C-alpha atoms as a PDB file:
ATOM      1  CA  MET A   1      87.768 155.565 124.893  1.00  0.00           C
ATOM      2  CA  ARG A   2      88.112 152.896 128.195  1.00  0.00           C
ATOM      3  CA  ILE A   3      90.504 151.035 126.242  1.00  0.00           C
ATOM      4  CA  LEU A   4      92.711 154.612 125.068  1.00  0.00           C
ATOM      5  CA  PHE A   5      92.585 154.997 128.634  1.00  0.00           C
ATOM      6  CA  ALA A   6      94.144 151.730 129.976  1.00  0.00           C
ATOM      7  CA  SER A   7      97.104 151.973 126.802  1.00  0.00           C
ATOM      8  CA  LEU A   8      98.409 155.352 127.897  1.00  0.00           C
ATOM      9  CA  LEU A   9      98.306 154.016 131.708  1.00  0.00           C
ATOM     10  CA  ILE A  10      99.968 151.296 131.115  1.00  0.00           C
ATOM     11  CA  SER A  11     102.614 153.244 128.890  1.00  0.00           C
ATOM     12  CA  PHE A  12     102.886 155.615 131.422  1.00  0.00           C
ATOM     13  CA  ALA A  13     103.779 152.907 134.128  1.00  0.00           C
ATOM     14  CA  ILE A  14     106.357 151.289 131.640  1.00  0.00           C
ATOM     15  CA  ALA A  15     108.147 154.522 131.064  1.00  0.00           C
ATOM     16  CA  ALA A  16     107.782 155.612 134.455  1.00  0.00           C
ATOM     17  CA  THR A  17     109.400 151.680 135.161  1.00  0.00           C
ATOM     18  CA  ALA A  18     112.405 152.074 132.718  1.00  0.00           C
ATOM     19  CA  GLN A  19     112.936 155.532 133.713  1.00  0.00           C
ATOM     20  CA  ASP A  20     113.526 154.647 137.535  1.00  0.00           C
ATOM     21  CA  LEU A  21     115.726 151.577 136.339  1.00  0.00           C
ATOM     22  CA  SER A  22     118.262 154.335 134.194  1.00  0.00           C
ATOM     23  CA  VAL A  23     118.450 156.638 137.228  1.00  0.00           C
ATOM     24  CA  ARG A  24     119.040 153.502 139.403  1.00  0.00           C
ATOM     25  CA  ASN A  25     121.870 152.425 136.655  1.00  0.00           C
ATOM     26  CA  LEU A  26     123.175 155.750 136.973  1.00  0.00           C
ATOM     27  CA  GLN A  27     123.136 156.151 140.539  1.00  0.00           C
ATOM     28  CA  ASN A  28     125.154 152.643 141.045  1.00  0.00           C
ATOM     29  CA  GLU A  29     127.629 153.425 137.914  1.00  0.00           C
ATOM     30  CA  SER A  30     128.457 156.601 140.302  1.00  0.00           C
ATOM     31  CA  LEU A  31     128.592 154.904 143.251  1.00  0.00           C
ATOM     32  CA  LYS A  32     131.354 152.380 141.706  1.00  0.00           C
ATOM     33  CA  TYR A  33     133.293 155.498 140.369  1.00  0.00           C
ATOM     34  CA  LEU A  34     133.027 157.253 143.576  1.00  0.00           C
ATOM     35  CA  GLN A  35     134.173 154.177 145.863  1.00  0.00           C
ATOM     36  CA  LYS A  36     136.765 153.596 143.276  1.00  0.00           C
ATOM     37  CA  LYS A  37     138.352 156.973 143.369  1.00  0.00           C
ATOM     38  CA  SER A  38     137.837 156.591 147.586  1.00  0.00           C
ATOM     39  CA  ASP A  39     140.255 153.366 147.166  1.00  0.00           C
ATOM     40  CA  ASP A  40     142.573 154.908 144.897  1.00  0.00           C
ATOM     41  CA  THR A  41     142.950 157.554 147.708  1.00  0.00           C
ATOM     42  CA  THR A  42     143.661 155.479 150.265  1.00  0.00           C
ATOM     43  CA  ARG A  43     146.045 152.902 148.699  1.00  0.00           C
ATOM     44  CA  LYS A  44     148.561 155.200 148.272  1.00  0.00           C
ATOM     45  CA  ASN A  45     151.548 153.620 149.657  1.00  0.00           C
ATOM     46  CA  TRP A  46     154.689 156.082 149.264  1.00  0.00           C
ATOM     47  CA  ARG A  47     154.969 159.749 150.799  1.00  0.00           C
ATOM     48  CA  LYS A  48     157.772 161.363 149.467  1.00  0.00           C
ATOM     49  CA  GLY A  49     158.412 165.259 150.318  1.00  0.00           C
ATOM     50  CA  GLY A  50     161.137 167.617 151.952  1.00  0.00           C
ATOM     51  CA  LEU A  51     162.421 170.617 152.623  1.00  0.00           C
ATOM     52  CA  TYR A  52     165.023 173.489 151.709  1.00  0.00           C
ATOM     53  CA  ASN A  53     166.434 175.927 154.064  1.00  0.00           C
ATOM     54  CA  LEU A  54     168.635 178.731 153.047  1.00  0.00           C
ATOM     55  CA  ASN A  55     170.112 180.870 156.201  1.00  0.00           C
ATOM     56  CA  ILE A  56     172.100 183.624 157.421  1.00  0.00           C
ATOM     57  CA  SER A  57     173.167 182.242 160.589  1.00  0.00           C
ATOM     58  CA  GLN A  58     175.546 182.872 163.897  1.00  0.00           C
ATOM     59  CA  ALA A  59     177.368 180.049 164.361  1.00  0.00           C
ATOM     60  CA  SER A  60     179.013 178.819 167.680  1.00  0.00           C
ATOM     61  CA  LEU A  61     181.041 175.897 167.851  1.00  0.00           C
ATOM     62  CA  SER A  62     182.752 173.554 170.736  1.00  0.00           C
ATOM     63  CA  ASN A  63     185.281 171.037 169.700  1.00  0.00           C
ATOM     64  CA  TRP A  64     184.243 170.550 166.648  1.00  0.00           C
ATOM     65  CA  ALA A  65     186.356 168.076 165.015  1.00  0.00           C
ATOM     66  CA  ALA A  66     185.498 169.032 161.371  1.00  0.00           C
ATOM     67  CA  GLY A  67     186.933 172.269 161.381  1.00  0.00           C
ATOM     68  CA  GLY A  68     185.609 175.925 162.097  1.00  0.00           C
ATOM     69  CA  ASP A  69     185.518 179.079 164.067  1.00  0.00           C
ATOM     70  CA  GLU A  70     184.068 179.243 168.066  1.00  0.00           C
ATOM     71  CA  PHE A  71     181.737 182.016 167.299  1.00  0.00           C
ATOM     72  CA  SER A  72     181.242 183.390 163.363  1.00  0.00           C
ATOM     73  CA  LEU A  73     178.855 184.386 161.027  1.00  0.00           C
ATOM     74  CA  ALA A  74     177.378 182.239 158.373  1.00  0.00           C
ATOM     75  CA  VAL A  75     175.626 181.109 155.323  1.00  0.00           C
ATOM     76  CA  ASN A  76     174.440 178.216 155.893  1.00  0.00           C
ATOM     77  CA  SER A  77     172.037 175.569 153.921  1.00  0.00           C
ATOM     78  CA  LEU A  78     169.796 172.481 154.463  1.00  0.00           C
ATOM     79  CA  LEU A  79     168.070 169.570 152.501  1.00  0.00           C
ATOM     80  CA  SER A  80     166.284 167.468 153.935  1.00  0.00           C
ATOM     81  CA  LEU A  81     164.211 164.917 151.814  1.00  0.00           C
ATOM     82  CA  TYR A  82     162.193 161.820 152.999  1.00  0.00           C
ATOM     83  CA  ALA A  83     160.385 158.541 151.048  1.00  0.00           C
ATOM     84  CA  PHE A  84     158.445 156.146 153.072  1.00  0.00           C
ATOM     85  CA  TYR A  85     156.442 153.190 151.639  1.00  0.00           C
ATOM     86  CA  LYS A  86     153.982 151.109 153.896  1.00  0.00           C
ATOM     87  CA  LYS A  87     151.888 148.450 152.278  1.00  0.00           C
ATOM     88  CA  ASP A  88     150.774 145.246 154.353  1.00  0.00           C
ATOM     89  CA  ARG A  89     153.074 144.317 156.908  1.00  0.00           C
ATOM     90  CA  HIS A  90     156.063 145.628 155.052  1.00  0.00           C
ATOM     91  CA  SER A  91     157.895 149.120 155.356  1.00  0.00           C
ATOM     92  CA  TRP A  92     160.899 150.971 154.386  1.00  0.00           C
ATOM     93  CA  ASP A  93     161.793 154.327 155.533  1.00  0.00           C
ATOM     94  CA  ASN A  94     164.554 156.285 153.420  1.00  0.00           C
ATOM     95  CA  THR A  95     165.438 159.707 154.435  1.00  0.00           C
ATOM     96  CA  PHE A  96     168.338 162.239 153.322  1.00  0.00           C
ATOM     97  CA  ASP A  97     170.003 165.200 155.167  1.00  0.00           C
ATOM     98  CA  PHE A  98     172.719 167.212 153.250  1.00  0.00           C
ATOM     99  CA  ASN A  99     173.808 170.592 155.623  1.00  0.00           C
ATOM    100  CA  LEU A 100     176.322 173.166 153.310  1.00  0.00           C
ATOM    101  CA  GLY A 101     177.284 176.173 155.326  1.00  0.00           C
ATOM    102  CA  TYR A 102     180.194 178.954 154.447  1.00  0.00           C
ATOM    103  CA  VAL A 103     181.486 181.537 157.106  1.00  0.00           C
ATOM    104  CA  ASN A 104     183.327 184.617 157.430  1.00  0.00           C
ATOM    105  CA  THR A 105     185.572 186.181 159.886  1.00  0.00           C
ATOM    106  CA  THR A 106     187.740 188.800 160.160  1.00  0.00           C
ATOM    107  CA  SER A 107     190.779 187.177 160.852  1.00  0.00           C
ATOM    108  CA  LEU A 108     190.677 184.231 158.738  1.00  0.00           C
ATOM    109  CA  GLY A 109     188.637 185.373 155.502  1.00  0.00           C
ATOM    110  CA  SER A 110     186.151 183.376 154.002  1.00  0.00           C
ATOM    111  CA  ARG A 111     186.006 179.422 154.318  1.00  0.00           C
ATOM    112  CA  LYS A 112     184.046 176.545 154.867  1.00  0.00           C
ATOM    113  CA  ASN A 113     182.530 176.167 157.978  1.00  0.00           C
ATOM    114  CA  ASP A 114     179.826 173.064 157.833  1.00  0.00           C
ATOM    115  CA  ASP A 115     179.104 170.222 155.674  1.00  0.00           C
ATOM    116  CA  ARG A 116     177.698 167.073 156.210  1.00  0.00           C
ATOM    117  CA  PHE A 117     175.343 164.651 154.746  1.00  0.00           C
ATOM    118  CA  ASP A 118     173.401 161.548 156.063  1.00  0.00           C
ATOM    119  CA  LEU A 119     171.616 159.041 154.282  1.00  0.00           C
ATOM    120  CA  LEU A 120     169.409 156.259 156.072  1.00  0.00           C
ATOM    121  CA  SER A 121     167.565 153.569 154.789  1.00  0.00           C
ATOM    122  CA  LYS A 122     165.471 151.434 156.943  1.00  0.00           C
ATOM    123  CA  TYR A 123     162.956 148.260 156.377  1.00  0.00           C
ATOM    124  CA  GLY A 124     160.798 146.735 158.360  1.00  0.00           C
ATOM    125  CA  TYR A 125     158.393 143.993 158.623  1.00  0.00           C
ATOM    126  CA  ALA A 126     155.164 144.017 161.112  1.00  0.00           C
ATOM    127  CA  LEU A 127     155.124 142.044 163.995  1.00  0.00           C
ATOM    128  CA  ASN A 128     152.302 143.546 165.417  1.00  0.00           C
ATOM    129  CA  PRO A 129     150.439 147.219 164.998  1.00  0.00           C
ATOM    130  CA  LYS A 130     153.895 148.848 166.674  1.00  0.00           C
ATOM    131  CA  LEU A 131     156.454 146.701 166.553  1.00  0.00           C
ATOM    132  CA  ASN A 132     158.601 146.050 163.331  1.00  0.00           C
ATOM    133  CA  LEU A 133     161.575 143.433 163.037  1.00  0.00           C
ATOM    134  CA  ALA A 134     163.954 145.789 161.013  1.00  0.00           C
ATOM    135  CA  GLY A 135     167.278 145.846 159.076  1.00  0.00           C
ATOM    136  CA  LEU A 136     168.569 149.491 158.893  1.00  0.00           C
ATOM    137  CA  VAL A 137     171.953 150.522 156.819  1.00  0.00           C
ATOM    138  CA  ASN A 138     173.431 154.193 157.397  1.00  0.00           C
ATOM    139  CA  LEU A 139     176.081 156.482 156.025  1.00  0.00           C
ATOM    140  CA  ARG A 140     177.239 159.313 156.799  1.00  0.00           C
ATOM    141  CA  SER A 141     180.190 161.707 156.418  1.00  0.00           C
ATOM    142  CA  GLN A 142     181.117 165.102 154.181  1.00  0.00           C
ATOM    143  CA  PHE A 143     181.776 166.162 151.033  1.00  0.00           C
ATOM    144  CA  PHE A 144     184.656 168.825 151.325  1.00  0.00           C
ATOM    145  CA  LYS A 145     187.674 169.322 153.243  1.00  0.00           C
ATOM    146  CA  GLY A 146     187.650 170.532 157.491  1.00  0.00           C
ATOM    147  CA  TYR A 147     190.460 172.584 158.772  1.00  0.00           C
ATOM    148  CA  SER A 148     190.798 173.315 162.590  1.00  0.00           C
ATOM    149  CA  PHE A 149     192.634 176.356 163.385  1.00  0.00           C
ATOM    150  CA  THR A 150     195.105 176.901 165.854  1.00  0.00           C
ATOM    151  CA  GLU A 151     196.579 180.435 166.577  1.00  0.00           C
ATOM    152  CA  ASN A 152     195.802 180.986 163.196  1.00  0.00           C
ATOM    153  CA  VAL A 153     197.583 178.473 161.936  1.00  0.00           C
ATOM    154  CA  LYS A 154     195.155 175.722 159.554  1.00  0.00           C
ATOM    155  CA  THR A 155     195.449 172.296 160.078  1.00  0.00           C
ATOM    156  CA  LEU A 156     193.579 169.557 157.783  1.00  0.00           C
ATOM    157  CA  SER A 157     191.120 167.784 160.086  1.00  0.00           C
ATOM    158  CA  SER A 158     188.563 165.983 157.719  1.00  0.00           C
ATOM    159  CA  ASN A 159     187.515 165.133 154.371  1.00  0.00           C
ATOM    160  CA  PHE A 160     185.423 163.349 152.019  1.00  0.00           C
ATOM    161  CA  MET A 161     184.395 159.796 153.520  1.00  0.00           C
ATOM    162  CA  ALA A 162     187.332 161.334 156.462  1.00  0.00           C
ATOM    163  CA  PRO A 163     186.018 159.514 157.919  1.00  0.00           C
ATOM    164  CA  GLY A 164     182.832 158.141 157.078  1.00  0.00           C
ATOM    165  CA  TYR A 165     180.792 155.958 159.213  1.00  0.00           C
ATOM    166  CA  LEU A 166     179.151 153.054 157.419  1.00  0.00           C
ATOM    167  CA  LEU A 167     176.516 151.026 159.514  1.00  0.00           C
ATOM    168  CA  LEU A 168     174.461 147.691 158.877  1.00  0.00           C
ATOM    169  CA  SER A 169     172.209 146.888 161.697  1.00  0.00           C
ATOM    170  CA  THR A 170     169.453 144.110 162.343  1.00  0.00           C
ATOM    171  CA  GLY A 171     166.716 144.887 165.401  1.00  0.00           C
ATOM    172  CA  LEU A 172     163.546 145.928 166.724  1.00  0.00           C
ATOM    173  CA  ASP A 173     162.021 149.366 165.443  1.00  0.00           C
ATOM    174  CA  PHE A 174     159.139 150.568 168.161  1.00  0.00           C
ATOM    175  CA  LYS A 175     156.579 153.296 166.638  1.00  0.00           C
ATOM    176  CA  PRO A 176     154.228 154.131 169.768  1.00  0.00           C
ATOM    177  CA  THR A 177     153.588 157.055 167.159  1.00  0.00           C
ATOM    178  CA  LYS A 178     153.251 158.551 164.150  1.00  0.00           C
ATOM    179  CA  ASN A 179     155.843 160.779 165.115  1.00  0.00           C
ATOM    180  CA  LEU A 180     157.955 158.495 167.134  1.00  0.00           C
ATOM    181  CA  SER A 181     160.536 155.725 166.385  1.00  0.00           C
ATOM    182  CA  ILE A 182     162.544 153.909 168.876  1.00  0.00           C
ATOM    183  CA  TYR A 183     165.007 151.513 166.668  1.00  0.00           C
ATOM    184  CA  VAL A 184     167.506 149.147 169.040  1.00  0.00           C
ATOM    185  CA  SER A 185     169.941 146.453 168.134  1.00  0.00           C
ATOM    186  CA  PRO A 186     172.036 144.370 169.770  1.00  0.00           C
ATOM    187  CA  LEU A 187     174.223 143.529 167.249  1.00  0.00           C
ATOM    188  CA  THR A 188     175.743 146.115 165.061  1.00  0.00           C
ATOM    189  CA  ALA A 189     178.639 146.794 162.476  1.00  0.00           C
ATOM    190  CA  ARG A 190     180.067 149.889 161.815  1.00  0.00           C
ATOM    191  CA  TRP A 191     182.755 150.946 159.548  1.00  0.00           C
ATOM    192  CA  VAL A 192     185.207 154.024 160.407  1.00  0.00           C
ATOM    193  CA  ILE A 193     186.445 154.727 156.950  1.00  0.00           C
ATOM    194  CA  VAL A 194     189.410 157.358 156.299  1.00  0.00           C
ATOM    195  CA  ARG A 195     190.460 157.300 153.073  1.00  0.00           C
ATOM    196  CA  ASP A 196     192.212 160.664 153.276  1.00  0.00           C
ATOM    197  CA  THR A 197     196.098 159.243 153.325  1.00  0.00           C
ATOM    198  CA  VAL A 198     197.243 162.220 155.725  1.00  0.00           C
ATOM    199  CA  LEU A 199     194.797 162.071 158.229  1.00  0.00           C
ATOM    200  CA  SER A 200     194.930 157.885 158.045  1.00  0.00           C
ATOM    201  CA  ASN A 201     198.835 158.107 158.212  1.00  0.00           C
ATOM    202  CA  LYS A 202     197.936 159.964 161.764  1.00  0.00           C
ATOM    203  CA  GLY A 203     195.504 157.398 163.265  1.00  0.00           C
ATOM    204  CA  ALA A 204     193.139 159.504 162.805  1.00  0.00           C
ATOM    205  CA  TYR A 205     189.459 158.638 163.971  1.00  0.00           C
ATOM    206  CA  GLY A 206     190.231 155.179 165.461  1.00  0.00           C
ATOM    207  CA  VAL A 207     191.895 153.867 162.505  1.00  0.00           C
ATOM    208  CA  GLN A 208     195.279 151.795 162.964  1.00  0.00           C
ATOM    209  CA  PRO A 209     198.094 154.430 161.518  1.00  0.00           C
ATOM    210  CA  GLY A 210     197.833 153.839 157.274  1.00  0.00           C
ATOM    211  CA  LYS A 211     195.143 151.590 157.876  1.00  0.00           C
ATOM    212  CA  LYS A 212     191.945 153.520 156.122  1.00  0.00           C
ATOM    213  CA  THR A 213     189.043 150.930 157.529  1.00  0.00           C
ATOM    214  CA  ASN A 214     188.307 150.020 161.050  1.00  0.00           C
ATOM    215  CA  LEU A 215     185.539 147.635 161.782  1.00  0.00           C
ATOM    216  CA  GLU A 216     183.899 148.004 164.930  1.00  0.00           C
ATOM    217  CA  VAL A 217     181.012 145.554 166.460  1.00  0.00           C
ATOM    218  CA  GLY A 218     178.506 146.547 168.954  1.00  0.00           C
ATOM    219  CA  GLY A 219     175.337 147.478 170.293  1.00  0.00           C
ATOM    220  CA  PHE A 220     173.228 150.369 168.552  1.00  0.00           C
ATOM    221  CA  ALA A 221     170.162 152.657 169.234  1.00  0.00           C
ATOM    222  CA  THR A 222     168.502 155.227 167.365  1.00  0.00           C
ATOM    223  CA  ILE A 223     165.403 157.550 168.420  1.00  0.00           C
ATOM    224  CA  GLY A 224     164.075 159.744 165.525  1.00  0.00           C
ATOM    225  CA  TYR A 225     160.855 162.416 166.322  1.00  0.00           C
ATOM    226  CA  GLN A 226     159.728 164.778 164.060  1.00  0.00           C
ATOM    227  CA  LYS A 227     156.563 166.805 164.941  1.00  0.00           C
ATOM    228  CA  GLU A 228     154.597 169.625 163.762  1.00  0.00           C
ATOM    229  CA  ILE A 229     153.914 171.373 166.926  1.00  0.00           C
ATOM    230  CA  SER A 230     151.479 174.155 165.523  1.00  0.00           C
ATOM    231  CA  LYS A 231     150.766 175.339 162.093  1.00  0.00           C
ATOM    232  CA  ASN A 232     154.461 177.246 162.384  1.00  0.00           C
ATOM    233  CA  ILE A 233     156.536 175.502 164.311  1.00  0.00           C
ATOM    234  CA  THR A 234     157.897 172.406 163.589  1.00  0.00           C
ATOM    235  CA  TYR A 235     160.446 169.942 165.851  1.00  0.00           C
ATOM    236  CA  LYS A 236     162.656 167.280 164.148  1.00  0.00           C
ATOM    237  CA  GLY A 237     165.422 165.723 166.478  1.00  0.00           C
ATOM    238  CA  ARG A 238     167.368 162.132 166.054  1.00  0.00           C
ATOM    239  CA  LEU A 239     169.629 160.673 168.695  1.00  0.00           C
ATOM    240  CA  ASP A 240     171.840 158.229 167.631  1.00  0.00           C
ATOM    241  CA  LEU A 241     173.925 155.576 170.515  1.00  0.00           C
ATOM    242  CA  PHE A 242     176.692 152.790 169.634  1.00  0.00           C
ATOM    243  CA  SER A 243     178.567 150.877 171.975  1.00  0.00           C
ATOM    244  CA  ASN A 244     181.917 149.338 170.930  1.00  0.00           C
ATOM    245  CA  TYR A 245     181.913 145.671 172.039  1.00  0.00           C
ATOM    246  CA  LYS A 246     185.567 145.747 171.310  1.00  0.00           C
ATOM    247  CA  LYS A 247     187.155 148.817 172.938  1.00  0.00           C
ATOM    248  CA  ASN A 248     185.803 150.630 175.883  1.00  0.00           C
ATOM    249  CA  PRO A 249     181.947 149.810 175.949  1.00  0.00           C
ATOM    250  CA  GLN A 250     181.038 151.581 178.434  1.00  0.00           C
ATOM    251  CA  ASN A 251     182.311 154.727 176.436  1.00  0.00           C
ATOM    252  CA  VAL A 252     179.155 154.924 174.186  1.00  0.00           C
ATOM    253  CA  ASP A 253     179.462 157.497 171.214  1.00  0.00           C
ATOM    254  CA  LEU A 254     176.681 159.778 170.716  1.00  0.00           C
ATOM    255  CA  PHE A 255     175.357 161.655 167.888  1.00  0.00           C
ATOM    256  CA  MET A 256     172.315 163.789 168.150  1.00  0.00           C
ATOM    257  CA  SER A 257     170.998 166.550 165.821  1.00  0.00           C
ATOM    258  CA  ASN A 258     168.313 168.882 166.408  1.00  0.00           C
ATOM    259  CA  ILE A 259     166.445 171.324 164.235  1.00  0.00           C
ATOM    260  CA  LEU A 260     163.032 174.079 165.049  1.00  0.00           C
ATOM    261  CA  SER A 261     162.058 175.723 162.498  1.00  0.00           C
ATOM    262  CA  VAL A 262     159.334 178.455 163.320  1.00  0.00           C
ATOM    263  CA  LYS A 263     157.566 180.042 160.133  1.00  0.00           C
ATOM    264  CA  LEU A 264     157.476 183.846 160.100  1.00  0.00           C
ATOM    265  CA  SER A 265     155.633 184.018 156.451  1.00  0.00           C
ATOM    266  CA  LYS A 266     155.079 181.944 153.468  1.00  0.00           C
ATOM    267  CA  ILE A 267     158.833 181.337 152.560  1.00  0.00           C
ATOM    268  CA  LEU A 268     160.708 183.130 155.723  1.00  0.00           C
ATOM    269  CA  SER A 269     161.510 181.392 158.809  1.00  0.00           C
ATOM    270  CA  ALA A 270     163.486 181.414 161.532  1.00  0.00           C
ATOM    271  CA  THR A 271     165.661 178.112 162.731  1.00  0.00           C
ATOM    272  CA  TRP A 272     167.783 176.936 165.099  1.00  0.00           C
ATOM    273  CA  GLY A 273     169.872 173.932 165.182  1.00  0.00           C
ATOM    274  CA  VAL A 274     172.161 171.963 167.790  1.00  0.00           C
ATOM    275  CA  ASP A 275     174.154 169.152 166.793  1.00  0.00           C
ATOM    276  CA  LEU A 276     176.002 167.219 170.061  1.00  0.00           C
ATOM    277  CA  ILE A 277     178.688 164.527 168.628  1.00  0.00           C
ATOM    278  CA  TYR A 278     180.618 162.501 171.302  1.00  0.00           C
ATOM    279  CA  ASP A 279     182.967 159.681 169.912  1.00  0.00           C
ATOM    280  CA  ASP A 280     185.661 158.133 172.142  1.00  0.00           C
ATOM    281  CA  ASP A 281     187.914 157.603 169.079  1.00  0.00           C
ATOM    282  CA  VAL A 282     188.042 161.297 167.820  1.00  0.00           C
ATOM    283  CA  ARG A 283     190.878 162.227 170.170  1.00  0.00           C
ATOM    284  CA  LEU A 284     191.979 166.062 168.776  1.00  0.00           C
ATOM    285  CA  PHE A 285     190.655 168.157 172.203  1.00  0.00           C
ATOM    286  CA  GLY A 286     192.116 169.088 175.469  1.00  0.00           C
ATOM    287  CA  PRO A 287     195.369 170.681 176.103  1.00  0.00           C
ATOM    288  CA  THR A 288     197.534 168.017 174.572  1.00  0.00           C
ATOM    289  CA  LYS A 289     194.611 167.473 171.261  1.00  0.00           C
ATOM    290  CA  THR A 290     194.869 163.862 172.425  1.00  0.00           C
ATOM    291  CA  SER A 291     191.656 163.407 174.537  1.00  0.00           C
ATOM    292  CA  PRO A 292     188.182 162.586 173.572  1.00  0.00           C
ATOM    293  CA  GLY A 293     185.461 165.505 174.014  1.00  0.00           C
ATOM    294  CA  LEU A 294     181.779 166.590 173.425  1.00  0.00           C
ATOM    295  CA  GLN A 295     181.507 168.664 170.098  1.00  0.00           C
ATOM    296  CA  VAL A 296     178.868 170.740 170.589  1.00  0.00           C
ATOM    297  CA  LYS A 297     177.387 172.726 167.185  1.00  0.00           C
ATOM    298  CA  SER A 298     174.788 175.844 167.223  1.00  0.00           C
ATOM    299  CA  LEU A 299     173.082 177.525 164.105  1.00  0.00           C
ATOM    300  CA  VAL A 300     170.412 180.631 164.887  1.00  0.00           C
ATOM    301  CA  GLY A 301     169.560 181.861 161.664  1.00  0.00           C
ATOM    302  CA  ILE A 302     166.330 183.521 159.535  1.00  0.00           C
ATOM    303  CA  GLY A 303     166.127 182.535 155.504  1.00  0.00           C
ATOM    304  CA  VAL A 304     164.210 181.112 153.484  1.00  0.00           C
ATOM    305  CA  LEU A 305     162.118 177.632 153.639  1.00  0.00           C
ATOM    306  CA  VAL A 306     160.485 175.900 151.376  1.00  0.00           C
ATOM    307  CA  LYS A 307     158.531 172.462 151.786  1.00  0.00           C
ATOM    308  CA  PHE A 308     157.800 170.180 149.057  1.00  0.00           C
END
């Protein structure tokens, strides 16, 4: 009897030990799986997304070289895409913005009012957590023809790649926060392109009459800021500055875009967009239409906003 009881105790001990080992093995395997899943989640190198906005807007334009009326009702759309890559010391930021709008006025009927695309690609190599050695490529133009109007007379003022701006640059990119980027370059090449023969023959946008490109070398800076102010309010802004070393370097070209969006419901939103442009070579303004000027466009609208 004692021998049987001892045998049962030994059997129970062996079984308990085996069960304990099995449980431990399962726990270890589960922990490895969870750790692997966690690592997979945090090691994503790409962040991609964008938004599409379709608005009925009130447009206000002043000295707008691409054409349009001073005041008009418009249907305006914005497609904004981004793809950001980061791994170790390497980063690659890409953005694409496309604006397209149509206006309707009682005097001149329906016509295109706003058309612009902007592609920016920037590579960075981290010198420290907030400072990158960077290279930048930027292409900015429009797809369709634009017109200016004087006493109901329509005149071609812009076209696809007329003007177009291609910019190549190397410099330093400072990112003090995830929402702010400050890029500065002391040496930048910018090509002004006017491929439309009518406009190039006039010497529009700073090219020599009959020529279709003009190379400028200068200093360049761009500041980008994007912030979700609250759950329903977002702001996106960009400021570009360029000084042409060859000609009037004190007259700095300026391009600034601002978009403030307020979400009213799941897909309905109100937006306010303000663009400012000053280009010393765009001499279409003033009493004689031969002077540069600050171009201002303001769009206030309500419509559909979809993020993805």
